Amino acid sequence: MREPSIIQKAILSEKAYKLMEKGAYIFLVTQEATKEKIAKSVAGQFSVKVKKVNIVKTASKRKRIGRTRKSTLVGGGKKAIVWLEPGQTIAMLSPKSKEKSKSKKKEKEAEKVQAEGKEL
């Protein structure tokens, strides 16, 4: 039987992107996850060395929904802030640098100009 994944999803927000520049990544994890299990899971999935793991538990909030305005619990969960060893990144989650995207745009524009020149 396959073991359920500890990491549910990566959190990609402005705050998370700022932390990524410092070498930290934020993941939503299962309630049963411990720091050791999270570190092993991240190291195994992304082939990186984990320096440390911080855990933040967020409480659910009551929200009134529907036509009858019944209240229900929304949100909540457990987040893990995973710090990697210096010089290591998770390429799949890292933000694209502005320089790379600008250079790619320039290359595409140059290709279009060359293609238009050949057609004439």
N, C-alpha and C. Protein backbone atom coordinates (compact mmCIF):
# COMPACT_ATOMS: atom_id res chain seq x y z
N MET A 1 0.84 -1.18 0.00
CA MET A 1 0.00 0.00 0.00
C MET A 1 0.88 1.24 0.00
N ARG A 2 0.50 2.21 -0.79
CA ARG A 2 1.28 3.43 -0.94
C ARG A 2 1.02 4.38 0.22
N GLU A 3 2.09 4.98 0.73
CA GLU A 3 1.99 5.90 1.85
C GLU A 3 1.48 7.26 1.35
N PRO A 4 0.54 7.89 2.04
CA PRO A 4 0.05 9.19 1.58
C PRO A 4 1.15 10.25 1.67
N SER A 5 1.09 11.20 0.77
CA SER A 5 2.11 12.24 0.70
C SER A 5 1.98 13.21 1.88
N ILE A 6 3.09 13.58 2.45
CA ILE A 6 3.10 14.53 3.56
C ILE A 6 2.87 15.93 3.03
N ILE A 7 3.51 16.25 1.91
CA ILE A 7 3.38 17.58 1.32
C ILE A 7 2.14 17.60 0.45
N GLN A 8 1.20 18.50 0.78
CA GLN A 8 -0.04 18.59 0.00
C GLN A 8 0.13 19.52 -1.19
N LYS A 9 0.70 20.71 -0.96
CA LYS A 9 0.96 21.63 -2.07
C LYS A 9 1.92 22.72 -1.61
N ALA A 10 2.52 23.38 -2.58
CA ALA A 10 3.40 24.50 -2.28
C ALA A 10 2.56 25.77 -2.24
N ILE A 11 2.92 26.67 -1.35
CA ILE A 11 2.21 27.94 -1.24
C ILE A 11 3.02 28.98 -2.01
N LEU A 12 2.39 29.58 -3.02
CA LEU A 12 3.06 30.56 -3.87
C LEU A 12 2.36 31.90 -3.73
N SER A 13 2.91 32.75 -2.89
CA SER A 13 2.36 34.08 -2.66
C SER A 13 3.51 35.07 -2.68
N GLU A 14 3.20 36.35 -2.54
CA GLU A 14 4.25 37.37 -2.54
C GLU A 14 5.23 37.12 -1.40
N LYS A 15 4.70 36.82 -0.24
CA LYS A 15 5.56 36.56 0.92
C LYS A 15 6.42 35.32 0.68
N ALA A 16 5.83 34.30 0.07
CA ALA A 16 6.58 33.07 -0.22
C ALA A 16 7.70 33.34 -1.21
N TYR A 17 7.44 34.17 -2.23
CA TYR A 17 8.48 34.48 -3.21
C TYR A 17 9.64 35.26 -2.58
N LYS A 18 9.33 36.14 -1.63
CA LYS A 18 10.39 36.87 -0.93
C LYS A 18 11.24 35.91 -0.10
N LEU A 19 10.58 34.93 0.53
CA LEU A 19 11.33 33.94 1.31
C LEU A 19 12.16 33.02 0.40
N MET A 20 11.67 32.76 -0.81
CA MET A 20 12.41 31.91 -1.74
C MET A 20 13.76 32.53 -2.09
N GLU A 21 13.80 33.86 -2.17
CA GLU A 21 15.06 34.54 -2.45
C GLU A 21 16.07 34.32 -1.33
N LYS A 22 15.57 34.08 -0.11
CA LYS A 22 16.44 33.83 1.04
C LYS A 22 16.73 32.34 1.23
N GLY A 23 16.09 31.49 0.42
CA GLY A 23 16.34 30.05 0.51
C GLY A 23 15.31 29.27 1.30
N ALA A 24 14.11 29.84 1.48
CA ALA A 24 13.05 29.16 2.24
C ALA A 24 11.85 28.93 1.33
N TYR A 25 11.21 27.78 1.48
CA TYR A 25 10.03 27.43 0.69
C TYR A 25 8.90 27.05 1.64
N ILE A 26 7.66 27.42 1.28
CA ILE A 26 6.51 27.17 2.15
C ILE A 26 5.62 26.11 1.52
N PHE A 27 5.25 25.11 2.33
CA PHE A 27 4.40 24.02 1.87
C PHE A 27 3.23 23.84 2.83
N LEU A 28 2.07 23.46 2.29
CA LEU A 28 0.94 23.04 3.11
C LEU A 28 1.13 21.55 3.34
N VAL A 29 1.11 21.12 4.60
CA VAL A 29 1.40 19.73 4.94
C VAL A 29 0.24 19.12 5.72
N THR A 30 0.25 17.80 5.87
CA THR A 30 -0.79 17.12 6.63
C THR A 30 -0.65 17.42 8.11
N GLN A 31 -1.73 17.24 8.86
CA GLN A 31 -1.73 17.54 10.29
C GLN A 31 -0.78 16.62 11.07
N GLU A 32 -0.57 15.41 10.60
CA GLU A 32 0.27 14.44 11.31
C GLU A 32 1.76 14.63 11.05
N ALA A 33 2.12 15.51 10.12
CA ALA A 33 3.52 15.67 9.71
C ALA A 33 4.36 16.27 10.83
N THR A 34 5.56 15.72 10.99
CA THR A 34 6.53 16.27 11.95
C THR A 34 7.66 16.93 11.17
N LYS A 35 8.51 17.67 11.87
CA LYS A 35 9.61 18.36 11.21
C LYS A 35 10.54 17.37 10.50
N GLU A 36 10.82 16.25 11.15
CA GLU A 36 11.71 15.24 10.56
C GLU A 36 11.10 14.64 9.30
N LYS A 37 9.81 14.30 9.35
CA LYS A 37 9.14 13.71 8.19
C LYS A 37 9.09 14.70 7.03
N ILE A 38 8.83 15.98 7.34
CA ILE A 38 8.78 17.01 6.30
C ILE A 38 10.15 17.16 5.65
N ALA A 39 11.21 17.21 6.46
CA ALA A 39 12.57 17.36 5.93
C ALA A 39 12.92 16.19 5.01
N LYS A 40 12.60 14.96 5.42
CA LYS A 40 12.90 13.79 4.60
C LYS A 40 12.09 13.81 3.30
N SER A 41 10.84 14.22 3.39
CA SER A 41 9.97 14.25 2.21
C SER A 41 10.46 15.27 1.18
N VAL A 42 10.81 16.47 1.65
CA VAL A 42 11.30 17.51 0.74
C VAL A 42 12.63 17.09 0.13
N ALA A 43 13.52 16.55 0.95
CA ALA A 43 14.82 16.10 0.45
C ALA A 43 14.66 14.99 -0.59
N GLY A 44 13.73 14.09 -0.37
CA GLY A 44 13.50 12.99 -1.30
C GLY A 44 12.83 13.43 -2.59
N GLN A 45 11.83 14.29 -2.48
CA GLN A 45 11.08 14.71 -3.67
C GLN A 45 11.87 15.65 -4.57
N PHE A 46 12.63 16.58 -3.97
CA PHE A 46 13.28 17.62 -4.77
C PHE A 46 14.80 17.48 -4.83
N SER A 47 15.38 16.45 -4.22
CA SER A 47 16.82 16.20 -4.23
C SER A 47 17.62 17.41 -3.75
N VAL A 48 17.28 17.91 -2.57
CA VAL A 48 17.98 19.04 -1.96
C VAL A 48 18.32 18.69 -0.51
N LYS A 49 19.21 19.49 0.08
CA LYS A 49 19.55 19.31 1.49
C LYS A 49 18.80 20.34 2.31
N VAL A 50 18.08 19.88 3.32
CA VAL A 50 17.27 20.76 4.16
C VAL A 50 18.09 21.20 5.37
N LYS A 51 18.11 22.51 5.62
CA LYS A 51 18.84 23.06 6.76
C LYS A 51 17.99 22.99 8.03
N LYS A 52 16.75 23.51 7.94
CA LYS A 52 15.84 23.46 9.08
C LYS A 52 14.40 23.57 8.60
N VAL A 53 13.46 23.26 9.50
CA VAL A 53 12.03 23.30 9.18
C VAL A 53 11.31 24.02 10.32
N ASN A 54 10.49 25.00 9.97
CA ASN A 54 9.63 25.67 10.93
C ASN A 54 8.19 25.31 10.59
N ILE A 55 7.34 25.15 11.61
CA ILE A 55 5.95 24.77 11.40
C ILE A 55 5.03 25.85 11.96
N VAL A 56 3.98 26.18 11.19
CA VAL A 56 2.99 27.17 11.61
C VAL A 56 1.62 26.53 11.47
N LYS A 57 0.85 26.53 12.56
CA LYS A 57 -0.52 26.02 12.52
C LYS A 57 -1.46 27.22 12.46
N THR A 58 -2.38 27.20 11.50
CA THR A 58 -3.37 28.27 11.39
C THR A 58 -4.74 27.71 11.77
N ALA A 59 -5.48 28.47 12.53
CA ALA A 59 -6.80 28.04 12.99
C ALA A 59 -7.84 28.28 11.90
N SER A 60 -8.89 27.46 11.88
CA SER A 60 -9.99 27.67 10.94
C SER A 60 -10.84 28.84 11.43
N LYS A 61 -11.53 29.45 10.47
CA LYS A 61 -12.39 30.59 10.81
C LYS A 61 -13.84 30.23 10.50
N ARG A 62 -14.74 30.79 11.25
CA ARG A 62 -16.17 30.60 10.98
C ARG A 62 -16.58 31.55 9.88
N LYS A 63 -17.35 31.01 8.92
CA LYS A 63 -17.83 31.82 7.81
C LYS A 63 -19.29 31.49 7.58
N ARG A 64 -20.09 32.52 7.34
CA ARG A 64 -21.51 32.30 7.07
C ARG A 64 -21.70 32.17 5.58
N ILE A 65 -22.31 31.05 5.15
CA ILE A 65 -22.47 30.79 3.72
C ILE A 65 -23.90 30.39 3.40
N GLY A 66 -24.23 30.48 2.13
CA GLY A 66 -25.50 29.98 1.63
C GLY A 66 -26.67 30.91 1.86
N ARG A 67 -27.80 30.49 1.32
CA ARG A 67 -29.02 31.27 1.40
C ARG A 67 -29.51 31.39 2.85
N THR A 68 -29.34 30.32 3.62
CA THR A 68 -29.80 30.34 5.01
C THR A 68 -28.74 30.91 5.95
N ARG A 69 -27.59 31.25 5.41
CA ARG A 69 -26.49 31.86 6.18
C ARG A 69 -26.02 30.95 7.31
N LYS A 70 -25.93 29.67 7.02
CA LYS A 70 -25.39 28.73 8.01
C LYS A 70 -23.90 29.01 8.19
N SER A 71 -23.42 28.77 9.39
CA SER A 71 -21.99 29.01 9.61
C SER A 71 -21.24 27.69 9.51
N THR A 72 -20.05 27.77 8.95
CA THR A 72 -19.20 26.60 8.78
C THR A 72 -17.75 27.00 9.01
N LEU A 73 -16.90 26.04 9.23
CA LEU A 73 -15.48 26.31 9.42
C LEU A 73 -14.77 26.28 8.07
N VAL A 74 -13.94 27.29 7.82
CA VAL A 74 -13.23 27.40 6.55
C VAL A 74 -11.75 27.61 6.84
N GLY A 75 -10.91 27.02 6.01
CA GLY A 75 -9.47 27.25 6.11
C GLY A 75 -8.81 26.43 7.20
N GLY A 76 -7.75 26.98 7.70
CA GLY A 76 -6.98 26.27 8.70
C GLY A 76 -6.01 25.31 8.05
N GLY A 77 -5.08 24.83 8.80
CA GLY A 77 -4.13 23.85 8.28
C GLY A 77 -2.77 24.01 8.92
N LYS A 78 -1.83 23.31 8.35
CA LYS A 78 -0.48 23.30 8.89
C LYS A 78 0.49 23.64 7.76
N LYS A 79 1.29 24.67 7.97
CA LYS A 79 2.26 25.08 6.97
C LYS A 79 3.66 24.79 7.47
N ALA A 80 4.54 24.41 6.56
CA ALA A 80 5.93 24.17 6.89
C ALA A 80 6.80 25.13 6.10
N ILE A 81 7.67 25.84 6.79
CA ILE A 81 8.65 26.71 6.14
C ILE A 81 9.95 25.93 6.14
N VAL A 82 10.39 25.52 4.95
CA VAL A 82 11.56 24.67 4.81
C VAL A 82 12.74 25.52 4.33
N TRP A 83 13.80 25.56 5.13
CA TRP A 83 15.02 26.30 4.79
C TRP A 83 16.02 25.33 4.18
N LEU A 84 16.54 25.68 3.00
CA LEU A 84 17.51 24.84 2.32
C LEU A 84 18.93 25.31 2.62
N GLU A 85 19.89 24.42 2.40
CA GLU A 85 21.31 24.77 2.56
C GLU A 85 21.65 25.87 1.55
N PRO A 86 22.61 26.75 1.88
CA PRO A 86 22.99 27.83 0.96
C PRO A 86 23.39 27.30 -0.41
N GLY A 87 22.93 27.98 -1.45
CA GLY A 87 23.26 27.60 -2.81
C GLY A 87 22.30 26.59 -3.43
N GLN A 88 21.36 26.06 -2.66
CA GLN A 88 20.41 25.09 -3.20
C GLN A 88 19.06 25.74 -3.44
N THR A 89 18.40 25.34 -4.52
CA THR A 89 17.07 25.85 -4.84
C THR A 89 16.21 24.70 -5.36
N ILE A 90 14.93 24.93 -5.37
CA ILE A 90 13.99 24.00 -6.00
C ILE A 90 13.57 24.68 -7.30
N ALA A 91 14.11 24.21 -8.41
CA ALA A 91 13.93 24.87 -9.70
C ALA A 91 12.46 24.96 -10.10
N MET A 92 11.68 23.94 -9.77
CA MET A 92 10.28 23.91 -10.17
C MET A 92 9.49 25.03 -9.48
N LEU A 93 9.87 25.42 -8.27
CA LEU A 93 9.13 26.41 -7.51
C LEU A 93 9.75 27.80 -7.54
N SER A 94 11.02 27.90 -7.92
CA SER A 94 11.70 29.18 -7.89
C SER A 94 11.10 30.14 -8.90
N PRO A 95 11.01 31.42 -8.53
CA PRO A 95 10.47 32.40 -9.47
C PRO A 95 11.45 32.63 -10.61
N LYS A 96 10.92 32.88 -11.79
CA LYS A 96 11.78 33.17 -12.94
C LYS A 96 12.38 34.55 -12.75
N SER A 97 13.64 34.67 -13.04
CA SER A 97 14.28 35.97 -12.87
C SER A 97 13.86 36.89 -14.01
N LYS A 98 13.82 38.17 -13.74
CA LYS A 98 13.38 39.15 -14.73
C LYS A 98 14.36 39.21 -15.89
N GLU A 99 15.65 39.04 -15.60
CA GLU A 99 16.66 39.10 -16.65
C GLU A 99 16.46 37.99 -17.68
N LYS A 100 16.17 36.79 -17.21
CA LYS A 100 15.96 35.66 -18.11
C LYS A 100 14.74 35.89 -18.99
N SER A 101 13.65 36.37 -18.39
CA SER A 101 12.43 36.56 -19.17
C SER A 101 12.61 37.68 -20.20
N LYS A 102 13.37 38.73 -19.84
CA LYS A 102 13.63 39.81 -20.78
C LYS A 102 14.48 39.33 -21.95
N SER A 103 15.51 38.52 -21.65
CA SER A 103 16.38 38.03 -22.72
C SER A 103 15.62 37.09 -23.65
N LYS A 104 14.70 36.28 -23.11
CA LYS A 104 13.90 35.40 -23.95
C LYS A 104 12.98 36.20 -24.86
N LYS A 105 12.40 37.30 -24.33
CA LYS A 105 11.54 38.14 -25.15
C LYS A 105 12.33 38.76 -26.29
N LYS A 106 13.55 39.22 -25.99
CA LYS A 106 14.38 39.83 -27.02
C LYS A 106 14.73 38.81 -28.10
N GLU A 107 15.02 37.57 -27.70
CA GLU A 107 15.34 36.52 -28.66
C GLU A 107 14.15 36.23 -29.56
N LYS A 108 12.95 36.17 -28.99
CA LYS A 108 11.75 35.90 -29.79
C LYS A 108 11.49 37.04 -30.78
N GLU A 109 11.68 38.29 -30.32
CA GLU A 109 11.48 39.43 -31.21
C GLU A 109 12.49 39.40 -32.34
N ALA A 110 13.73 39.04 -32.05
CA ALA A 110 14.77 38.96 -33.08
C ALA A 110 14.43 37.87 -34.10
N GLU A 111 13.90 36.75 -33.63
CA GLU A 111 13.51 35.67 -34.54
C GLU A 111 12.36 36.11 -35.45
N LYS A 112 11.41 36.86 -34.90
CA LYS A 112 10.29 37.35 -35.71
C LYS A 112 10.78 38.30 -36.80
N VAL A 113 11.70 39.18 -36.43
CA VAL A 113 12.24 40.14 -37.40
C VAL A 113 12.98 39.40 -38.50
N GLN A 114 13.77 38.39 -38.14
CA GLN A 114 14.49 37.61 -39.14
C GLN A 114 13.53 36.86 -40.05
N ALA A 115 12.47 36.30 -39.48
CA ALA A 115 11.49 35.56 -40.26
C ALA A 115 10.76 36.49 -41.23
N GLU A 116 10.43 37.69 -40.78
CA GLU A 116 9.75 38.66 -41.65
C GLU A 116 10.68 39.12 -42.76
N GLY A 117 11.95 39.28 -42.46
CA GLY A 117 12.93 39.69 -43.46
C GLY A 117 13.10 38.65 -44.55
N LYS A 118 13.02 37.37 -44.20
CA LYS A 118 13.17 36.28 -45.17
C LYS A 118 11.95 36.18 -46.06
N GLU A 119 10.77 36.51 -45.53
CA GLU A 119 9.53 36.41 -46.30
C GLU A 119 9.45 37.49 -47.37
N LEU A 120 10.05 38.66 -47.11
CA LEU A 120 9.99 39.75 -48.07
C LEU A 120 10.90 39.49 -49.19
